[in-house]
All heavy atoms as atom14 arrays in JSON, in Angstrom:
{
  "sequence": "GDEFTAAIIEYVKNKYDLLIGEHTAAKVKEEIGCAF",
  "atom14_mask": [
    [1, 1, 1, 1, 0, 0, 0, 0, 0, 0, 0, 0, 0, 0],
    [1, 1, 1, 1, 1, 1, 1, 1, 0, 0, 0, 0, 0, 0],
    [1, 1, 1, 1, 1, 1, 1, 1, 1, 0, 0, 0, 0, 0],
    [1, 1, 1, 1, 1, 1, 1, 1, 1, 1, 1, 0, 0, 0],
    [1, 1, 1, 1, 1, 1, 1, 0, 0, 0, 0, 0, 0, 0],
    [1, 1, 1, 1, 1, 0, 0, 0, 0, 0, 0, 0, 0, 0],
    [1, 1, 1, 1, 1, 0, 0, 0, 0, 0, 0, 0, 0, 0],
    [1, 1, 1, 1, 1, 1, 1, 1, 0, 0, 0, 0, 0, 0],
    [1, 1, 1, 1, 1, 1, 1, 1, 0, 0, 0, 0, 0, 0],
    [1, 1, 1, 1, 1, 1, 1, 1, 1, 0, 0, 0, 0, 0],
    [1, 1, 1, 1, 1, 1, 1, 1, 1, 1, 1, 1, 0, 0],
    [1, 1, 1, 1, 1, 1, 1, 0, 0, 0, 0, 0, 0, 0],
    [1, 1, 1, 1, 1, 1, 1, 1, 1, 0, 0, 0, 0, 0],
    [1, 1, 1, 1, 1, 1, 1, 1, 0, 0, 0, 0, 0, 0],
    [1, 1, 1, 1, 1, 1, 1, 1, 1, 0, 0, 0, 0, 0],
    [1, 1, 1, 1, 1, 1, 1, 1, 1, 1, 1, 1, 0, 0],
    [1, 1, 1, 1, 1, 1, 1, 1, 0, 0, 0, 0, 0, 0],
    [1, 1, 1, 1, 1, 1, 1, 1, 0, 0, 0, 0, 0, 0],
    [1, 1, 1, 1, 1, 1, 1, 1, 0, 0, 0, 0, 0, 0],
    [1, 1, 1, 1, 1, 1, 1, 1, 0, 0, 0, 0, 0, 0],
    [1, 1, 1, 1, 0, 0, 0, 0, 0, 0, 0, 0, 0, 0],
    [1, 1, 1, 1, 1, 1, 1, 1, 1, 0, 0, 0, 0, 0],
    [1, 1, 1, 1, 1, 1, 1, 1, 1, 1, 0, 0, 0, 0],
    [1, 1, 1, 1, 1, 1, 1, 0, 0, 0, 0, 0, 0, 0],
    [1, 1, 1, 1, 1, 0, 0, 0, 0, 0, 0, 0, 0, 0],
    [1, 1, 1, 1, 1, 0, 0, 0, 0, 0, 0, 0, 0, 0],
    [1, 1, 1, 1, 1, 1, 1, 1, 1, 0, 0, 0, 0, 0],
    [1, 1, 1, 1, 1, 1, 1, 0, 0, 0, 0, 0, 0, 0],
    [1, 1, 1, 1, 1, 1, 1, 1, 1, 0, 0, 0, 0, 0],
    [1, 1, 1, 1, 1, 1, 1, 1, 1, 0, 0, 0, 0, 0],
    [1, 1, 1, 1, 1, 1, 1, 1, 1, 0, 0, 0, 0, 0],
    [1, 1, 1, 1, 1, 1, 1, 1, 0, 0, 0, 0, 0, 0],
    [1, 1, 1, 1, 0, 0, 0, 0, 0, 0, 0, 0, 0, 0],
    [1, 1, 1, 1, 1, 1, 0, 0, 0, 0, 0, 0, 0, 0],
    [1, 1, 1, 1, 1, 0, 0, 0, 0, 0, 0, 0, 0, 0],
    [1, 1, 1, 1, 1, 1, 1, 1, 1, 1, 1, 0, 0, 0]
  ],
  "atom14_positions": [
    [[0.79, -1.22, 0.0], [0.0, 0.0, 0.0], [0.82, 1.27, 0.0], [0.42, 2.29, -0.59], [0.0, 0.0, 0.0], [0.0, 0.0, 0.0], [0.0, 0.0, 0.0], [0.0, 0.0, 0.0], [0.0, 0.0, 0.0], [0.0, 0.0, 0.0], [0.0, 0.0, 0.0], [0.0, 0.0, 0.0], [0.0, 0.0, 0.0], [0.0, 0.0, 0.0]],
    [[1.99, 1.25, 0.63], [2.86, 2.44, 0.65], [3.33, 2.8, -0.75], [3.44, 3.97, -1.11], [4.07, 2.2, 1.55], [3.71, 2.2, 3.02], [2.55, 2.49, 3.35], [4.59, 1.9, 3.84], [0.0, 0.0, 0.0], [0.0, 0.0, 0.0], [0.0, 0.0, 0.0], [0.0, 0.0, 0.0], [0.0, 0.0, 0.0], [0.0, 0.0, 0.0]],
    [[3.61, 1.77, -1.56], [4.05, 2.01, -2.94], [2.9, 2.55, -3.78], [3.12, 3.37, -4.68], [4.63, 0.73, -3.54], [6.03, 0.4, -3.1], [6.14, 0.07, -1.62], [5.2, -0.55, -1.08], [7.14, 0.45, -0.99], [0.0, 0.0, 0.0], [0.0, 0.0, 0.0], [0.0, 0.0, 0.0], [0.0, 0.0, 0.0], [0.0, 0.0, 0.0]],
    [[1.67, 2.11, -3.5], [0.51, 2.66, -4.2], [0.4, 4.16, -3.89], [0.17, 4.98, -4.78], [-0.78, 1.98, -3.74], [-0.87, 0.51, -4.07], [-1.81, -0.29, -3.44], [-0.02, -0.08, -5.0], [-1.91, -1.64, -3.73], [-0.1, -1.42, -5.29], [-1.05, -2.21, -4.65], [0.0, 0.0, 0.0], [0.0, 0.0, 0.0], [0.0, 0.0, 0.0]],
    [[0.59, 4.5, -2.62], [0.52, 5.91, -2.21], [1.62, 6.72, -2.89], [1.37, 7.82, -3.41], [0.67, 6.02, -0.68], [-0.39, 5.29, -0.05], [0.61, 7.47, -0.22], [0.0, 0.0, 0.0], [0.0, 0.0, 0.0], [0.0, 0.0, 0.0], [0.0, 0.0, 0.0], [0.0, 0.0, 0.0], [0.0, 0.0, 0.0], [0.0, 0.0, 0.0]],
    [[2.84, 6.19, -2.9], [3.96, 6.89, -3.53], [3.74, 7.08, -5.02], [4.12, 8.12, -5.59], [5.26, 6.12, -3.28], [0.0, 0.0, 0.0], [0.0, 0.0, 0.0], [0.0, 0.0, 0.0], [0.0, 0.0, 0.0], [0.0, 0.0, 0.0], [0.0, 0.0, 0.0], [0.0, 0.0, 0.0], [0.0, 0.0, 0.0], [0.0, 0.0, 0.0]],
    [[3.1, 6.11, -5.66], [2.83, 6.21, -7.1], [1.84, 7.33, -7.39], [1.95, 8.01, -8.42], [2.3, 4.88, -7.62], [0.0, 0.0, 0.0], [0.0, 0.0, 0.0], [0.0, 0.0, 0.0], [0.0, 0.0, 0.0], [0.0, 0.0, 0.0], [0.0, 0.0, 0.0], [0.0, 0.0, 0.0], [0.0, 0.0, 0.0], [0.0, 0.0, 0.0]],
    [[0.87, 7.51, -6.5], [-0.1, 8.6, -6.67], [0.6, 9.95, -6.51], [0.36, 10.89, -7.28], [-1.25, 8.44, -5.67], [-2.09, 7.21, -6.03], [-2.14, 9.69, -5.65], [-3.16, 6.86, -5.01], [0.0, 0.0, 0.0], [0.0, 0.0, 0.0], [0.0, 0.0, 0.0], [0.0, 0.0, 0.0], [0.0, 0.0, 0.0], [0.0, 0.0, 0.0]],
    [[1.5, 10.05, -5.54], [2.26, 11.29, -5.34], [3.06, 11.62, -6.6], [3.06, 12.76, -7.08], [3.21, 11.16, -4.12], [2.4, 11.07, -2.83], [4.17, 12.35, -4.06], [3.24, 10.78, -1.59], [0.0, 0.0, 0.0], [0.0, 0.0, 0.0], [0.0, 0.0, 0.0], [0.0, 0.0, 0.0], [0.0, 0.0, 0.0], [0.0, 0.0, 0.0]],
    [[3.74, 10.63, -7.16], [4.57, 10.83, -8.34], [3.71, 11.2, -9.56], [4.11, 12.06, -10.38], [5.38, 9.56, -8.62], [6.45, 9.71, -9.69], [7.58, 10.63, -9.28], [7.71, 10.95, -8.09], [8.34, 11.04, -10.19], [0.0, 0.0, 0.0], [0.0, 0.0, 0.0], [0.0, 0.0, 0.0], [0.0, 0.0, 0.0], [0.0, 0.0, 0.0]],
    [[2.58, 10.56, -9.69], [1.67, 10.83, -10.83], [1.2, 12.28, -10.8], [1.23, 12.97, -11.83], [0.48, 9.88, -10.75], [-0.53, 10.03, -11.88], [-0.42, 9.27, -13.04], [-1.59, 10.93, -11.77], [-1.34, 9.4, -14.07], [-2.52, 11.06, -12.8], [-2.38, 10.3, -13.95], [-3.3, 10.45, -14.97], [0.0, 0.0, 0.0], [0.0, 0.0, 0.0]],
    [[0.76, 12.74, -9.64], [0.27, 14.11, -9.51], [1.4, 15.12, -9.77], [1.2, 16.16, -10.41], [-0.34, 14.34, -8.11], [-0.7, 15.81, -7.89], [-1.58, 13.47, -7.94], [0.0, 0.0, 0.0], [0.0, 0.0, 0.0], [0.0, 0.0, 0.0], [0.0, 0.0, 0.0], [0.0, 0.0, 0.0], [0.0, 0.0, 0.0], [0.0, 0.0, 0.0]],
    [[2.59, 14.78, -9.3], [3.75, 15.65, -9.52], [4.06, 15.78, -11.01], [4.3, 16.88, -11.53], [4.95, 15.1, -8.77], [6.24, 15.88, -8.99], [7.41, 15.19, -8.3], [8.72, 15.89, -8.61], [9.87, 15.18, -7.98], [0.0, 0.0, 0.0], [0.0, 0.0, 0.0], [0.0, 0.0, 0.0], [0.0, 0.0, 0.0], [0.0, 0.0, 0.0]],
    [[4.06, 14.65, -11.71], [4.42, 14.65, -13.12], [3.34, 15.28, -14.01], [3.64, 15.96, -14.99], [4.7, 13.23, -13.6], [5.96, 12.65, -12.98], [6.85, 13.38, -12.55], [6.04, 11.33, -12.91], [0.0, 0.0, 0.0], [0.0, 0.0, 0.0], [0.0, 0.0, 0.0], [0.0, 0.0, 0.0], [0.0, 0.0, 0.0], [0.0, 0.0, 0.0]],
    [[2.09, 15.06, -13.67], [1.0, 15.53, -14.52], [0.61, 16.97, -14.23], [0.3, 17.74, -15.15], [-0.22, 14.62, -14.36], [-1.38, 14.99, -15.3], [-2.49, 13.96, -15.27], [-3.59, 14.3, -16.25], [-4.66, 13.28, -16.27], [0.0, 0.0, 0.0], [0.0, 0.0, 0.0], [0.0, 0.0, 0.0], [0.0, 0.0, 0.0], [0.0, 0.0, 0.0]],
    [[0.64, 17.34, -12.95], [0.13, 18.67, -12.57], [1.2, 19.59, -11.97], [0.89, 20.71, -11.56], [-1.01, 18.52, -11.55], [-2.22, 17.81, -12.1], [-2.48, 16.49, -11.75], [-3.1, 18.46, -12.95], [-3.61, 15.83, -12.24], [-4.23, 17.81, -13.45], [-4.47, 16.49, -13.09], [-5.59, 15.85, -13.58], [0.0, 0.0, 0.0], [0.0, 0.0, 0.0]],
    [[2.45, 19.11, -11.88], [3.51, 19.89, -11.23], [3.12, 20.24, -9.8], [3.5, 21.3, -9.28], [3.82, 21.18, -12.0], [4.29, 20.91, -13.42], [5.24, 20.13, -13.57], [3.68, 21.47, -14.36], [0.0, 0.0, 0.0], [0.0, 0.0, 0.0], [0.0, 0.0, 0.0], [0.0, 0.0, 0.0], [0.0, 0.0, 0.0], [0.0, 0.0, 0.0]],
    [[2.38, 19.34, -9.17], [1.84, 19.6, -7.84], [2.44, 18.62, -6.83], [2.4, 17.4, -7.03], [0.32, 19.48, -7.85], [-0.41, 20.04, -6.62], [-0.34, 21.57, -6.61], [-1.86, 19.58, -6.61], [0.0, 0.0, 0.0], [0.0, 0.0, 0.0], [0.0, 0.0, 0.0], [0.0, 0.0, 0.0], [0.0, 0.0, 0.0], [0.0, 0.0, 0.0]],
    [[2.99, 19.17, -5.75], [3.52, 18.33, -4.68], [2.44, 18.14, -3.62], [1.93, 19.11, -3.06], [4.74, 18.98, -4.04], [5.94, 19.24, -4.95], [7.06, 19.91, -4.16], [6.43, 17.95, -5.59], [0.0, 0.0, 0.0], [0.0, 0.0, 0.0], [0.0, 0.0, 0.0], [0.0, 0.0, 0.0], [0.0, 0.0, 0.0], [0.0, 0.0, 0.0]],
    [[2.07, 16.88, -3.38], [1.1, 16.59, -2.32], [1.78, 15.68, -1.31], [2.71, 14.95, -1.62], [-0.19, 15.93, -2.86], [0.13, 14.58, -3.54], [-0.9, 16.87, -3.83], [-1.11, 13.8, -3.96], [0.0, 0.0, 0.0], [0.0, 0.0, 0.0], [0.0, 0.0, 0.0], [0.0, 0.0, 0.0], [0.0, 0.0, 0.0], [0.0, 0.0, 0.0]],
    [[1.3, 15.73, -0.07], [1.9, 14.96, 1.0], [1.44, 13.52, 1.03], [0.47, 13.14, 0.38], [0.0, 0.0, 0.0], [0.0, 0.0, 0.0], [0.0, 0.0, 0.0], [0.0, 0.0, 0.0], [0.0, 0.0, 0.0], [0.0, 0.0, 0.0], [0.0, 0.0, 0.0], [0.0, 0.0, 0.0], [0.0, 0.0, 0.0], [0.0, 0.0, 0.0]],
    [[2.17, 12.71, 1.8], [1.84, 11.29, 1.92], [0.45, 11.09, 2.5], [-0.3, 10.21, 2.05], [2.89, 10.61, 2.81], [2.7, 9.12, 2.97], [3.77, 8.48, 3.83], [4.85, 9.08, 3.99], [3.53, 7.38, 4.36], [0.0, 0.0, 0.0], [0.0, 0.0, 0.0], [0.0, 0.0, 0.0], [0.0, 0.0, 0.0], [0.0, 0.0, 0.0]],
    [[0.1, 11.9, 3.5], [-1.22, 11.77, 4.13], [-2.31, 12.05, 3.11], [-3.33, 11.33, 3.06], [-1.32, 12.73, 5.31], [-2.64, 12.68, 6.01], [-2.99, 11.67, 6.88], [-3.72, 13.52, 5.96], [-4.21, 11.89, 7.34], [-4.67, 13.0, 6.79], [0.0, 0.0, 0.0], [0.0, 0.0, 0.0], [0.0, 0.0, 0.0], [0.0, 0.0, 0.0]],
    [[-2.12, 13.09, 2.3], [-3.12, 13.44, 1.28], [-3.26, 12.33, 0.24], [-4.37, 11.93, -0.13], [-2.71, 14.75, 0.57], [-2.68, 15.81, 1.52], [-3.7, 15.11, -0.53], [0.0, 0.0, 0.0], [0.0, 0.0, 0.0], [0.0, 0.0, 0.0], [0.0, 0.0, 0.0], [0.0, 0.0, 0.0], [0.0, 0.0, 0.0], [0.0, 0.0, 0.0]],
    [[-2.13, 11.81, -0.22], [-2.16, 10.74, -1.23], [-2.81, 9.47, -0.69], [-3.54, 8.78, -1.41], [-0.74, 10.45, -1.71], [0.0, 0.0, 0.0], [0.0, 0.0, 0.0], [0.0, 0.0, 0.0], [0.0, 0.0, 0.0], [0.0, 0.0, 0.0], [0.0, 0.0, 0.0], [0.0, 0.0, 0.0], [0.0, 0.0, 0.0], [0.0, 0.0, 0.0]],
    [[-2.53, 9.16, 0.59], [-3.14, 7.97, 1.2], [-4.65, 8.12, 1.28], [-5.41, 7.16, 1.06], [-2.55, 7.75, 2.58], [0.0, 0.0, 0.0], [0.0, 0.0, 0.0], [0.0, 0.0, 0.0], [0.0, 0.0, 0.0], [0.0, 0.0, 0.0], [0.0, 0.0, 0.0], [0.0, 0.0, 0.0], [0.0, 0.0, 0.0], [0.0, 0.0, 0.0]],
    [[-5.1, 9.34, 1.55], [-6.54, 9.6, 1.62], [-7.18, 9.44, 0.25], [-8.28, 8.88, 0.12], [-6.79, 11.01, 2.17], [-8.25, 11.3, 2.45], [-8.41, 12.67, 3.1], [-9.89, 12.94, 3.39], [-10.08, 14.29, 3.99], [0.0, 0.0, 0.0], [0.0, 0.0, 0.0], [0.0, 0.0, 0.0], [0.0, 0.0, 0.0], [0.0, 0.0, 0.0]],
    [[-6.49, 9.93, -0.8], [-6.97, 9.75, -2.17], [-7.1, 8.27, -2.49], [-8.11, 7.81, -3.04], [-6.01, 10.43, -3.17], [-6.37, 10.04, -4.61], [-6.05, 11.94, -3.01], [0.0, 0.0, 0.0], [0.0, 0.0, 0.0], [0.0, 0.0, 0.0], [0.0, 0.0, 0.0], [0.0, 0.0, 0.0], [0.0, 0.0, 0.0], [0.0, 0.0, 0.0]],
    [[-6.09, 7.5, -2.13], [-6.09, 6.05, -2.39], [-7.27, 5.38, -1.71], [-7.97, 4.55, -2.31], [-4.78, 5.44, -1.89], [-4.67, 3.94, -2.05], [-3.39, 3.42, -1.43], [-3.38, 3.6, 0.08], [-2.15, 3.06, 0.71], [0.0, 0.0, 0.0], [0.0, 0.0, 0.0], [0.0, 0.0, 0.0], [0.0, 0.0, 0.0], [0.0, 0.0, 0.0]],
    [[-7.5, 5.74, -0.45], [-8.57, 5.11, 0.32], [-9.95, 5.5, -0.19], [-10.88, 4.68, -0.2], [-8.43, 5.49, 1.8], [-7.19, 4.9, 2.46], [-6.87, 5.54, 3.79], [-7.7, 6.36, 4.24], [-5.81, 5.25, 4.37], [0.0, 0.0, 0.0], [0.0, 0.0, 0.0], [0.0, 0.0, 0.0], [0.0, 0.0, 0.0], [0.0, 0.0, 0.0]],
    [[-10.12, 6.74, -0.62], [-11.44, 7.23, -1.0], [-11.83, 6.89, -2.44], [-12.98, 6.56, -2.7], [-11.53, 8.74, -0.77], [-11.46, 9.14, 0.7], [-11.67, 10.63, 0.9], [-11.85, 11.36, -0.09], [-11.65, 11.06, 2.08], [0.0, 0.0, 0.0], [0.0, 0.0, 0.0], [0.0, 0.0, 0.0], [0.0, 0.0, 0.0], [0.0, 0.0, 0.0]],
    [[-10.86, 7.0, -3.38], [-11.24, 6.78, -4.78], [-10.29, 5.86, -5.53], [-10.48, 5.61, -6.72], [-11.34, 8.12, -5.54], [-9.96, 8.8, -5.63], [-12.36, 9.04, -4.89], [-9.92, 9.97, -6.59], [0.0, 0.0, 0.0], [0.0, 0.0, 0.0], [0.0, 0.0, 0.0], [0.0, 0.0, 0.0], [0.0, 0.0, 0.0], [0.0, 0.0, 0.0]],
    [[-9.23, 5.37, -4.86], [-8.26, 4.52, -5.54], [-8.88, 3.28, -6.13], [-9.84, 2.72, -5.58], [0.0, 0.0, 0.0], [0.0, 0.0, 0.0], [0.0, 0.0, 0.0], [0.0, 0.0, 0.0], [0.0, 0.0, 0.0], [0.0, 0.0, 0.0], [0.0, 0.0, 0.0], [0.0, 0.0, 0.0], [0.0, 0.0, 0.0], [0.0, 0.0, 0.0]],
    [[-8.36, 2.83, -7.27], [-8.91, 1.62, -7.89], [-7.88, 0.95, -8.77], [-6.97, 1.59, -9.3], [-10.17, 1.94, -8.7], [-9.92, 3.08, -10.08], [0.0, 0.0, 0.0], [0.0, 0.0, 0.0], [0.0, 0.0, 0.0], [0.0, 0.0, 0.0], [0.0, 0.0, 0.0], [0.0, 0.0, 0.0], [0.0, 0.0, 0.0], [0.0, 0.0, 0.0]],
    [[-8.02, -0.36, -8.9], [-7.14, -1.15, -9.77], [-7.82, -1.54, -11.05], [-7.19, -2.04, -11.98], [-6.68, -2.41, -9.02], [0.0, 0.0, 0.0], [0.0, 0.0, 0.0], [0.0, 0.0, 0.0], [0.0, 0.0, 0.0], [0.0, 0.0, 0.0], [0.0, 0.0, 0.0], [0.0, 0.0, 0.0], [0.0, 0.0, 0.0], [0.0, 0.0, 0.0]],
    [[-9.13, -1.33, -11.12], [-9.93, -1.63, -12.3], [-10.94, -0.49, -12.47], [-11.41, 0.07, -11.49], [-10.67, -2.96, -12.14], [-11.21, -3.52, -13.42], [-10.42, -4.32, -14.23], [-12.51, -3.26, -13.83], [-10.9, -4.84, -15.42], [-13.01, -3.76, -15.01], [-12.2, -4.56, -15.81], [0.0, 0.0, 0.0], [0.0, 0.0, 0.0], [0.0, 0.0, 0.0]]
  ]
}
């Protein structure tokens, strides 16, 4: 799960030039994250 969170942080950074924190990314993963 930590790597899933880190991947979301990296994705947002690369696509939007936006730095978000680990807590924020973990919340995104829990609320709307999906594998399919």
